[in-house]
Structures are given as structure tokens and as C-alpha cells.
Amino acid sequence: QIDNSSLVYIDLYSGIQEASLRAIDYATEKGVPIFLNVSGDIPSPELVTKLKGKNIAIIQIGLHESQEIEAEKIAAQIYETFDPKVSIVTLASKGAIAVSGMTVVKTQAYPVDVVHVHGAGAIFSAGFAFGYLQDWGLQQNLEFACAIGSLSCTKERGFEQFTLEEINQLIDRKNK
């Protein structure tokens, strides 16, 4: 499935690290860009060495809201370390920060009536991947990802489908 992909999403969590590294190696060998989610774990020096030179286009790390003050610094460090097109730090209800080159973009989370938060990070990643593949600008992409991640919190199971119109309405309400 990786062979014909435009972008491959890979979770790199400690419990599945060996399998994730095999997938990263394979995607790199095939020249497929990688969207790498390292969860809340800042990669160890050993892991950084294993990931150097891989085809990482996007790297995402999720931090606790209490780390908001240091999030931009961490996003910049991850960007410098892995040289992706984009590094992202998500901060749950505090929003997200993305770094690409000299550009730093921030957006707050969207105010919604929260029913369930499980899976919001995965939905955020899917939204960001969608915008990335549409070749949207960084700000639009980050806002879209935050909006769909926020909308997922309004549903009991979190994994509902939302129309582009619903997502854009949420973005428009926040930006007014």
C-alpha cells in the first residue's frame, strides 16, 4: 500500500517502535513522504540517529497543555533536528503550532461543546494530511486540522464524518 501513496502516516510510539521503523525505512526506500507522529515522546538521541536521512515530510508531537510556553521552542527544535517540510506541536485544547522554514504559525483550539476527546489527535493528523495533500498554505492547513479535531470532540465516539462546509463554518465563526 505504501508503494503508490502520496503520503504515509506512521505512528512512532514506544510499543510499536520496531515495526514503525521498518515502515519508515520502506517508505524512504520507495521515496514516499512520511507524516510521522511521535506522540508525546521527544525522540531520544538514539532514535534521532535512526531517523536521520529518512523521508520525513511532516513530524508531529503532542504535548500537554501545561507545556504551551515551551511548545514553539520544541516545534523549532524538532524542525531543525529532522529537517521536514513541517513540524507540528499539538496542545489539546490550547491549539497547535507549526513550523516550516522561518514561518511559525499558531492557532487556538476551536470552542466547542466537548462530549468526548478520544481520537481528536488522530483526526487532527488526518485533517492536516488532507490539507497538505491539497497544497494549502500552512495557516489554512493548521486551522483546518484544529477545526476538524475540535469537531471530533463534539460526538460521542469522536470518529464521525464532517462536511467541508461544517468545518469551514467553525473556522469562520472563530475568525469573526
Foldseek 3Di string as FASTA:
>chain_A
DLLPDQEEEAECEPVCNVVRLVVQVVNQVSVHEYAYEPEADDDDPVVLVSQEPTRHQEYEYEDELVCVVCQVVVQVVVCVSHVHQKYKYQHVQQAIWMDGPPDIETDGAFDDDFQAQPCLVVQLSVQLVVCVVVVDDPHVSRLLSSQLSNVLRNDNVSPDDDDPVSSVVSSVVVVD
